[in-house]
PDB file of N, CA and C in Angstrom:
ATOM      1  N   UNK A   1     135.140 218.113 228.813  1.00  0.00           N
ATOM      2  CA  UNK A   1     136.214 219.473 228.029  1.00  0.00           C
ATOM      3  C   UNK A   1     136.936 218.323 227.462  1.00  0.00           C
ATOM      4  N   UNK A   2     137.818 217.301 228.423  1.00  0.00           N
ATOM      5  CA  UNK A   2     138.411 216.365 227.434  1.00  0.00           C
ATOM      6  C   UNK A   2     138.002 215.109 226.176  1.00  0.00           C
ATOM      7  N   UNK A   3     136.790 214.865 226.256  1.00  0.00           N
ATOM      8  CA  UNK A   3     136.202 214.944 224.675  1.00  0.00           C
ATOM      9  C   UNK A   3     136.209 216.249 224.000  1.00  0.00           C
ATOM     10  N   UNK A   4     135.894 216.933 224.032  1.00  0.00           N
ATOM     11  CA  UNK A   4     135.509 218.390 222.973  1.00  0.00           C
ATOM     12  C   UNK A   4     137.400 218.719 222.750  1.00  0.00           C
ATOM     13  N   UNK A   5     138.483 218.682 223.562  1.00  0.00           N
ATOM     14  CA  UNK A   5     139.506 218.758 223.537  1.00  0.00           C
ATOM     15  C   UNK A   5     139.940 217.865 222.329  1.00  0.00           C
ATOM     16  N   UNK A   6     139.648 216.633 222.388  1.00  0.00           N
ATOM     17  CA  UNK A   6     140.569 215.640 221.809  1.00  0.00           C
ATOM     18  C   UNK A   6     139.984 215.348 220.465  1.00  0.00           C
ATOM     19  N   UNK A   7     138.794 216.193 219.872  1.00  0.00           N
ATOM     20  CA  UNK A   7     137.864 216.054 218.909  1.00  0.00           C
ATOM     21  C   UNK A   7     137.953 217.277 218.342  1.00  0.00           C
ATOM     22  N   UNK A   8     138.255 218.651 218.692  1.00  0.00           N
ATOM     23  CA  UNK A   8     138.210 219.559 217.976  1.00  0.00           C
ATOM     24  C   UNK A   8     139.206 219.804 216.486  1.00  0.00           C
ATOM     25  N   UNK A   9     140.083 219.313 216.227  1.00  0.00           N
ATOM     26  CA  UNK A   9     141.121 219.082 215.485  1.00  0.00           C
ATOM     27  C   UNK A   9     142.070 220.614 215.775  1.00  0.00           C
ATOM     28  N   UNK A  10     143.115 220.775 214.597  1.00  0.00           N
ATOM     29  CA  UNK A  10     144.054 221.932 214.943  1.00  0.00           C
ATOM     30  C   UNK A  10     143.089 223.050 214.703  1.00  0.00           C
ATOM     31  N   UNK A  11     142.458 223.764 214.939  1.00  0.00           N
ATOM     32  CA  UNK A  11     141.262 225.144 214.783  1.00  0.00           C
ATOM     33  C   UNK A  11     141.166 225.209 215.563  1.00  0.00           C
ATOM     34  N   UNK A  12     141.008 226.732 216.318  1.00  0.00           N
ATOM     35  CA  UNK A  12     140.166 226.767 217.345  1.00  0.00           C
ATOM     36  C   UNK A  12     138.623 226.355 216.862  1.00  0.00           C
ATOM     37  N   UNK A  13     137.428 226.450 217.889  1.00  0.00           N
ATOM     38  CA  UNK A  13     136.716 226.224 217.463  1.00  0.00           C
ATOM     39  C   UNK A  13     135.807 227.101 219.016  1.00  0.00           C
ATOM     40  N   UNK A  14     134.373 227.736 218.571  1.00  0.00           N
ATOM     41  CA  UNK A  14     133.430 228.471 219.030  1.00  0.00           C
ATOM     42  C   UNK A  14     132.749 227.329 219.980  1.00  0.00           C
ATOM     43  N   UNK A  15     131.945 227.461 220.938  1.00  0.00           N
ATOM     44  CA  UNK A  15     131.808 226.195 222.077  1.00  0.00           C
ATOM     45  C   UNK A  15     130.394 227.201 222.443  1.00  0.00           C
ATOM     46  N   UNK A  16     129.806 227.941 222.034  1.00  0.00           N
ATOM     47  CA  UNK A  16     128.353 228.894 222.448  1.00  0.00           C
ATOM     48  C   UNK A  16     128.291 229.498 223.813  1.00  0.00           C
ATOM     49  N   UNK A  17     129.868 229.854 224.186  1.00  0.00           N
ATOM     50  CA  UNK A  17     129.517 230.632 225.539  1.00  0.00           C
ATOM     51  C   UNK A  17     129.370 232.070 225.022  1.00  0.00           C
ATOM     52  N   UNK A  18     128.778 233.121 225.749  1.00  0.00           N
ATOM     53  CA  UNK A  18     128.963 234.340 225.395  1.00  0.00           C
ATOM     54  C   UNK A  18     128.661 235.307 226.404  1.00  0.00           C
ATOM     55  N   UNK A  19     129.476 236.475 226.872  1.00  0.00           N
ATOM     56  CA  UNK A  19     128.608 237.071 227.936  1.00  0.00           C
ATOM     57  C   UNK A  19     129.128 238.688 227.282  1.00  0.00           C
ATOM     58  N   UNK A  20     128.035 239.533 227.798  1.00  0.00           N
ATOM     59  CA  UNK A  20     127.931 241.172 228.117  1.00  0.00           C
ATOM     60  C   UNK A  20     128.944 241.444 228.905  1.00  0.00           C
ATOM     61  N   UNK A  21     129.566 242.705 228.849  1.00  0.00           N
ATOM     62  CA  UNK A  21     130.344 243.262 229.764  1.00  0.00           C
ATOM     63  C   UNK A  21     130.286 243.516 230.999  1.00  0.00           C
ATOM     64  N   UNK A  22     130.665 243.043 231.808  1.00  0.00           N
ATOM     65  CA  UNK A  22     130.533 242.744 233.753  1.00  0.00           C
ATOM     66  C   UNK A  22     129.010 241.945 233.673  1.00  0.00           C
ATOM     67  N   UNK A  23     128.579 240.765 232.971  1.00  0.00           N
ATOM     68  CA  UNK A  23     127.792 239.764 233.177  1.00  0.00           C
ATOM     69  C   UNK A  23     128.187 238.631 233.242  1.00  0.00           C
ATOM     70  N   UNK A  24     127.272 237.630 233.566  1.00  0.00           N
ATOM     71  CA  UNK A  24     128.076 235.764 233.785  1.00  0.00           C
ATOM     72  C   UNK A  24     128.263 235.541 231.836  1.00  0.00           C
ATOM     73  N   UNK A  25     128.594 234.219 231.794  1.00  0.00           N
ATOM     74  CA  UNK A  25     128.863 233.893 230.814  1.00  0.00           C
ATOM     75  C   UNK A  25     127.578 233.098 230.524  1.00  0.00           C
ATOM     76  N   UNK A  26     126.579 232.920 229.755  1.00  0.00           N
ATOM     77  CA  UNK A  26     125.809 232.378 229.158  1.00  0.00           C
ATOM     78  C   UNK A  26     125.751 231.406 227.788  1.00  0.00           C
ATOM     79  N   UNK A  27     125.044 230.449 228.009  1.00  0.00           N
ATOM     80  CA  UNK A  27     125.067 229.146 226.515  1.00  0.00           C
ATOM     81  C   UNK A  27     124.445 229.866 225.647  1.00  0.00           C
ATOM     82  N   UNK A  28     124.362 229.003 224.386  1.00  0.00           N
ATOM     83  CA  UNK A  28     123.716 229.898 223.329  1.00  0.00           C
ATOM     84  C   UNK A  28     122.211 229.645 223.618  1.00  0.00           C
ATOM     85  N   UNK A  29     121.438 228.528 224.391  1.00  0.00           N
ATOM     86  CA  UNK A  29     120.530 228.602 224.886  1.00  0.00           C
ATOM     87  C   UNK A  29     119.996 229.403 225.841  1.00  0.00           C
ATOM     88  N   UNK A  30     120.762 230.389 226.572  1.00  0.00           N
ATOM     89  CA  UNK A  30     120.664 231.148 227.218  1.00  0.00           C
ATOM     90  C   UNK A  30     120.604 230.631 228.978  1.00  0.00           C
ATOM     91  N   UNK A  31     120.862 229.654 229.157  1.00  0.00           N
ATOM     92  CA  UNK A  31     121.303 228.959 230.179  1.00  0.00           C
ATOM     93  C   UNK A  31     122.457 229.343 230.730  1.00  0.00           C
ATOM     94  N   UNK A  32     122.387 229.706 232.078  1.00  0.00           N
ATOM     95  CA  UNK A  32     123.597 230.781 232.928  1.00  0.00           C
ATOM     96  C   UNK A  32     124.732 228.864 232.989  1.00  0.00           C
ATOM     97  N   UNK A  33     126.357 230.056 232.498  1.00  0.00           N
ATOM     98  CA  UNK A  33     127.108 229.069 232.574  1.00  0.00           C
ATOM     99  C   UNK A  33     127.601 228.597 234.390  1.00  0.00           C
ATOM    100  N   UNK A  34     127.923 227.440 234.227  1.00  0.00           N
ATOM    101  CA  UNK A  34     128.241 227.404 235.805  1.00  0.00           C
ATOM    102  C   UNK A  34     129.449 227.491 236.211  1.00  0.00           C
ATOM    103  N   UNK A  35     130.561 227.805 235.847  1.00  0.00           N
ATOM    104  CA  UNK A  35     132.105 228.024 235.923  1.00  0.00           C
ATOM    105  C   UNK A  35     132.417 226.629 236.061  1.00  0.00           C
ATOM    106  N   UNK A  36     131.872 225.463 235.599  1.00  0.00           N
ATOM    107  CA  UNK A  36     132.982 223.993 235.378  1.00  0.00           C
ATOM    108  C   UNK A  36     134.244 223.856 234.779  1.00  0.00           C
ATOM    109  N   UNK A  37     134.380 224.478 233.819  1.00  0.00           N
ATOM    110  CA  UNK A  37     136.002 225.065 233.467  1.00  0.00           C
ATOM    111  C   UNK A  37     136.361 226.774 233.218  1.00  0.00           C
ATOM    112  N   UNK A  38     137.717 226.816 233.759  1.00  0.00           N
ATOM    113  CA  UNK A  38     138.288 228.408 233.598  1.00  0.00           C
ATOM    114  C   UNK A  38     138.370 229.038 231.976  1.00  0.00           C
ATOM    115  N   UNK A  39     137.662 230.181 232.013  1.00  0.00           N
ATOM    116  CA  UNK A  39     137.724 230.868 230.514  1.00  0.00           C
ATOM    117  C   UNK A  39     138.673 231.751 230.674  1.00  0.00           C
ATOM    118  N   UNK A  40     140.237 231.828 230.000  1.00  0.00           N
ATOM    119  CA  UNK A  40     140.992 233.106 229.860  1.00  0.00           C
ATOM    120  C   UNK A  40     140.103 234.439 229.054  1.00  0.00           C
ATOM    121  N   UNK A  41     141.291 235.220 229.456  1.00  0.00           N
ATOM    122  CA  UNK A  41     141.011 236.629 228.394  1.00  0.00           C
ATOM    123  C   UNK A  41     139.740 237.351 229.048  1.00  0.00           C
ATOM    124  N   UNK A  42     139.429 237.917 228.360  1.00  0.00           N
ATOM    125  CA  UNK A  42     138.807 238.706 229.152  1.00  0.00           C
ATOM    126  C   UNK A  42     137.270 239.806 228.161  1.00  0.00           C
ATOM    127  N   UNK A  43     137.382 238.870 226.774  1.00  0.00           N
ATOM    128  CA  UNK A  43     136.853 239.274 225.382  1.00  0.00           C
ATOM    129  C   UNK A  43     135.126 238.569 225.998  1.00  0.00           C
ATOM    130  N   UNK A  44     134.602 238.695 224.870  1.00  0.00           N
ATOM    131  CA  UNK A  44     132.861 238.329 224.684  1.00  0.00           C
ATOM    132  C   UNK A  44     132.250 237.135 224.386  1.00  0.00           C
ATOM    133  N   UNK A  45     133.288 235.910 223.465  1.00  0.00           N
ATOM    134  CA  UNK A  45     132.973 235.064 222.975  1.00  0.00           C
ATOM    135  C   UNK A  45     134.271 233.689 223.735  1.00  0.00           C
ATOM    136  N   UNK A  46     133.575 232.590 223.574  1.00  0.00           N
ATOM    137  CA  UNK A  46     134.502 231.455 224.466  1.00  0.00           C
ATOM    138  C   UNK A  46     135.036 230.484 223.568  1.00  0.00           C
ATOM    139  N   UNK A  47     136.218 229.922 223.298  1.00  0.00           N
ATOM    140  CA  UNK A  47     136.895 229.150 222.549  1.00  0.00           C
ATOM    141  C   UNK A  47     137.492 227.934 223.110  1.00  0.00           C
ATOM    142  N   UNK A  48     137.994 227.008 222.179  1.00  0.00           N
ATOM    143  CA  UNK A  48     138.738 226.012 222.719  1.00  0.00           C
ATOM    144  C   UNK A  48     140.060 226.562 221.986  1.00  0.00           C
ATOM    145  N   UNK A  49     141.114 226.394 222.521  1.00  0.00           N
ATOM    146  CA  UNK A  49     142.251 227.513 222.297  1.00  0.00           C
ATOM    147  C   UNK A  49     143.504 226.217 221.978  1.00  0.00           C
ATOM    148  N   UNK A  50     144.836 226.348 221.445  1.00  0.00           N
ATOM    149  CA  UNK A  50     145.587 225.283 221.102  1.00  0.00           C
ATOM    150  C   UNK A  50     146.346 224.887 222.600  1.00  0.00           C
ATOM    151  N   UNK A  51     146.151 225.226 223.437  1.00  0.00           N
ATOM    152  CA  UNK A  51     146.624 225.046 225.291  1.00  0.00           C
ATOM    153  C   UNK A  51     145.677 223.914 225.834  1.00  0.00           C
ATOM    154  N   UNK A  52     144.722 223.484 225.385  1.00  0.00           N
ATOM    155  CA  UNK A  52     143.892 222.668 226.185  1.00  0.00           C
ATOM    156  C   UNK A  52     143.179 223.133 226.939  1.00  0.00           C
ATOM    157  N   UNK A  53     142.565 224.448 226.135  1.00  0.00           N
ATOM    158  CA  UNK A  53     141.432 225.078 227.523  1.00  0.00           C
ATOM    159  C   UNK A  53     140.695 226.166 226.866  1.00  0.00           C
ATOM    160  N   UNK A  54     140.003 226.868 227.570  1.00  0.00           N
ATOM    161  CA  UNK A  54     139.103 227.704 226.835  1.00  0.00           C
ATOM    162  C   UNK A  54     139.698 228.827 227.052  1.00  0.00           C
ATOM    163  N   UNK A  55     139.562 230.119 226.124  1.00  0.00           N
ATOM    164  CA  UNK A  55     139.640 230.989 225.998  1.00  0.00           C
ATOM    165  C   UNK A  55     138.822 232.036 225.260  1.00  0.00           C
ATOM    166  N   UNK A  56     138.840 233.523 225.398  1.00  0.00           N
ATOM    167  CA  UNK A  56     137.725 234.784 224.972  1.00  0.00           C
ATOM    168  C   UNK A  56     137.865 235.280 224.261  1.00  0.00           C
ATOM    169  N   UNK A  57     137.294 235.760 223.637  1.00  0.00           N
ATOM    170  CA  UNK A  57     138.198 236.803 222.394  1.00  0.00           C
ATOM    171  C   UNK A  57     136.945 237.757 222.054  1.00  0.00           C
ATOM    172  N   UNK A  58     136.648 238.468 221.086  1.00  0.00           N
ATOM    173  CA  UNK A  58     135.706 239.078 220.017  1.00  0.00           C
ATOM    174  C   UNK A  58     134.871 238.231 219.294  1.00  0.00           C
ATOM    175  N   UNK A  59     133.392 238.122 219.311  1.00  0.00           N
ATOM    176  CA  UNK A  59     132.747 237.152 218.966  1.00  0.00           C
ATOM    177  C   UNK A  59     132.807 237.211 216.951  1.00  0.00           C
ATOM    178  N   UNK A  60     132.946 238.839 216.542  1.00  0.00           N
ATOM    179  CA  UNK A  60     133.522 238.945 215.176  1.00  0.00           C
ATOM    180  C   UNK A  60     134.509 238.452 214.569  1.00  0.00           C
ATOM    181  N   UNK A  61     135.566 237.326 215.044  1.00  0.00           N
ATOM    182  CA  UNK A  61     136.901 236.913 215.018  1.00  0.00           C
ATOM    183  C   UNK A  61     136.045 235.366 213.875  1.00  0.00           C
ATOM    184  N   UNK A  62     136.534 235.582 212.466  1.00  0.00           N
ATOM    185  CA  UNK A  62     136.143 234.350 212.109  1.00  0.00           C
ATOM    186  C   UNK A  62     137.076 232.916 213.035  1.00  0.00           C
ATOM    187  N   UNK A  63     136.283 231.877 213.294  1.00  0.00           N
ATOM    188  CA  UNK A  63     136.564 230.852 214.249  1.00  0.00           C
ATOM    189  C   UNK A  63     135.194 229.507 213.428  1.00  0.00           C
ATOM    190  N   UNK A  64     135.611 228.241 213.843  1.00  0.00           N
ATOM    191  CA  UNK A  64     134.333 227.186 213.155  1.00  0.00           C
ATOM    192  C   UNK A  64     133.388 227.199 214.647  1.00  0.00           C
ATOM    193  N   UNK A  65     132.543 226.771 214.441  1.00  0.00           N
ATOM    194  CA  UNK A  65     131.570 225.960 215.814  1.00  0.00           C
ATOM    195  C   UNK A  65     131.933 224.773 216.041  1.00  0.00           C
ATOM    196  N   UNK A  66     132.213 224.298 217.453  1.00  0.00           N
ATOM    197  CA  UNK A  66     132.386 222.812 217.441  1.00  0.00           C
ATOM    198  C   UNK A  66     131.230 222.198 217.417  1.00  0.00           C
ATOM    199  N   UNK A  67     129.778 222.475 217.336  1.00  0.00           N
ATOM    200  CA  UNK A  67     128.622 221.727 216.725  1.00  0.00           C
ATOM    201  C   UNK A  67     127.915 222.674 216.571  1.00  0.00           C
ATOM    202  N   UNK A  68     127.035 222.348 215.596  1.00  0.00           N
ATOM    203  CA  UNK A  68     126.250 223.088 215.092  1.00  0.00           C
ATOM    204  C   UNK A  68     124.858 222.542 215.063  1.00  0.00           C
ATOM    205  N   UNK A  69     123.307 223.245 214.950  1.00  0.00           N
ATOM    206  CA  UNK A  69     121.868 222.610 215.035  1.00  0.00           C
ATOM    207  C   UNK A  69     121.722 223.548 213.896  1.00  0.00           C
ATOM    208  N   UNK A  70     120.761 223.203 212.940  1.00  0.00           N
ATOM    209  CA  UNK A  70     119.486 224.678 212.227  1.00  0.00           C
ATOM    210  C   UNK A  70     118.863 224.545 213.224  1.00  0.00           C
ATOM    211  N   UNK A  71     118.517 226.169 213.407  1.00  0.00           N
ATOM    212  CA  UNK A  71     117.435 226.522 214.037  1.00  0.00           C
ATOM    213  C   UNK A  71     116.140 226.096 213.252  1.00  0.00           C
ATOM    214  N   UNK A  72     114.822 226.322 213.831  1.00  0.00           N
ATOM    215  CA  UNK A  72     113.910 225.859 213.107  1.00  0.00           C
ATOM    216  C   UNK A  72     113.286 226.854 211.972  1.00  0.00           C
ATOM    217  N   UNK A  73     113.529 227.587 211.476  1.00  0.00           N
ATOM    218  CA  UNK A  73     113.350 228.109 210.436  1.00  0.00           C
ATOM    219  C   UNK A  73     114.210 228.248 209.527  1.00  0.00           C
ATOM    220  N   UNK A  74     115.308 227.492 209.745  1.00  0.00           N
ATOM    221  CA  UNK A  74     116.313 227.056 208.846  1.00  0.00           C
ATOM    222  C   UNK A  74     116.221 225.415 208.428  1.00  0.00           C
ATOM    223  N   UNK A  75     115.322 224.780 209.215  1.00  0.00           N
ATOM    224  CA  UNK A  75     114.845 223.709 208.922  1.00  0.00           C
ATOM    225  C   UNK A  75     113.302 223.485 208.431  1.00  0.00           C
ATOM    226  N   UNK A  76     112.577 224.660 208.778  1.00  0.00           N
ATOM    227  CA  UNK A  76     111.267 224.940 207.488  1.00  0.00           C
ATOM    228  C   UNK A  76     111.696 225.337 206.431  1.00  0.00           C
ATOM    229  N   UNK A  77     112.980 226.172 205.949  1.00  0.00           N
ATOM    230  CA  UNK A  77     113.390 226.189 204.348  1.00  0.00           C
ATOM    231  C   UNK A  77     113.759 225.448 203.942  1.00  0.00           C
ATOM    232  N   UNK A  78     114.402 224.122 204.741  1.00  0.00           N
ATOM    233  CA  UNK A  78     114.987 223.268 204.138  1.00  0.00           C
ATOM    234  C   UNK A  78     113.362 222.196 203.788  1.00  0.00           C
ATOM    235  N   UNK A  79     112.982 222.004 204.478  1.00  0.00           N
ATOM    236  CA  UNK A  79     112.066 221.683 204.471  1.00  0.00           C
ATOM    237  C   UNK A  79     110.745 221.789 203.376  1.00  0.00           C
ATOM    238  N   UNK A  80     110.823 222.776 203.174  1.00  0.00           N
ATOM    239  CA  UNK A  80     109.966 223.218 201.652  1.00  0.00           C
ATOM    240  C   UNK A  80     110.713 223.287 200.341  1.00  0.00           C
ATOM    241  N   UNK A  81     111.654 223.298 200.405  1.00  0.00           N
ATOM    242  CA  UNK A  81     112.849 222.866 199.136  1.00  0.00           C
ATOM    243  C   UNK A  81     112.993 221.827 199.219  1.00  0.00           C
ATOM    244  N   UNK A  82     112.801 220.790 199.924  1.00  0.00           N
ATOM    245  CA  UNK A  82     112.945 219.307 199.620  1.00  0.00           C
ATOM    246  C   UNK A  82     111.304 218.934 199.610  1.00  0.00           C
ATOM    247  N   UNK A  83     110.473 219.725 199.030  1.00  0.00           N
ATOM    248  CA  UNK A  83     109.063 219.510 199.170  1.00  0.00           C
ATOM    249  C   UNK A  83     107.930 218.440 200.392  1.00  0.00           C
ATOM    250  N   UNK A  84     108.694 219.169 201.781  1.00  0.00           N
ATOM    251  CA  UNK A  84     108.166 218.393 202.855  1.00  0.00           C
ATOM    252  C   UNK A  84     107.013 219.074 203.317  1.00  0.00           C
ATOM    253  N   UNK A  85     106.775 220.298 202.736  1.00  0.00           N
ATOM    254  CA  UNK A  85     105.759 221.423 203.474  1.00  0.00           C
ATOM    255  C   UNK A  85     104.529 222.187 202.255  1.00  0.00           C
TER     256      UNK A  85
END
């Protein structure tokens, strides 16, 4: 958490945790969150906030992601454009 907060910059960033109402938090890859840190608020997506913690809000709100990785479809499209396929 200290590493993420140190490098997030001034904007709040989504961190890849989501939940359906009444369900546990899960990471973007589907694994269940282990409650390693508290998540404030009662919404459906978690983000790093300005007070050195994690809060939640509606997933439809615009925020940058703390990190991104192209999925297999995007990687295949990029390879095709570059002549790799």
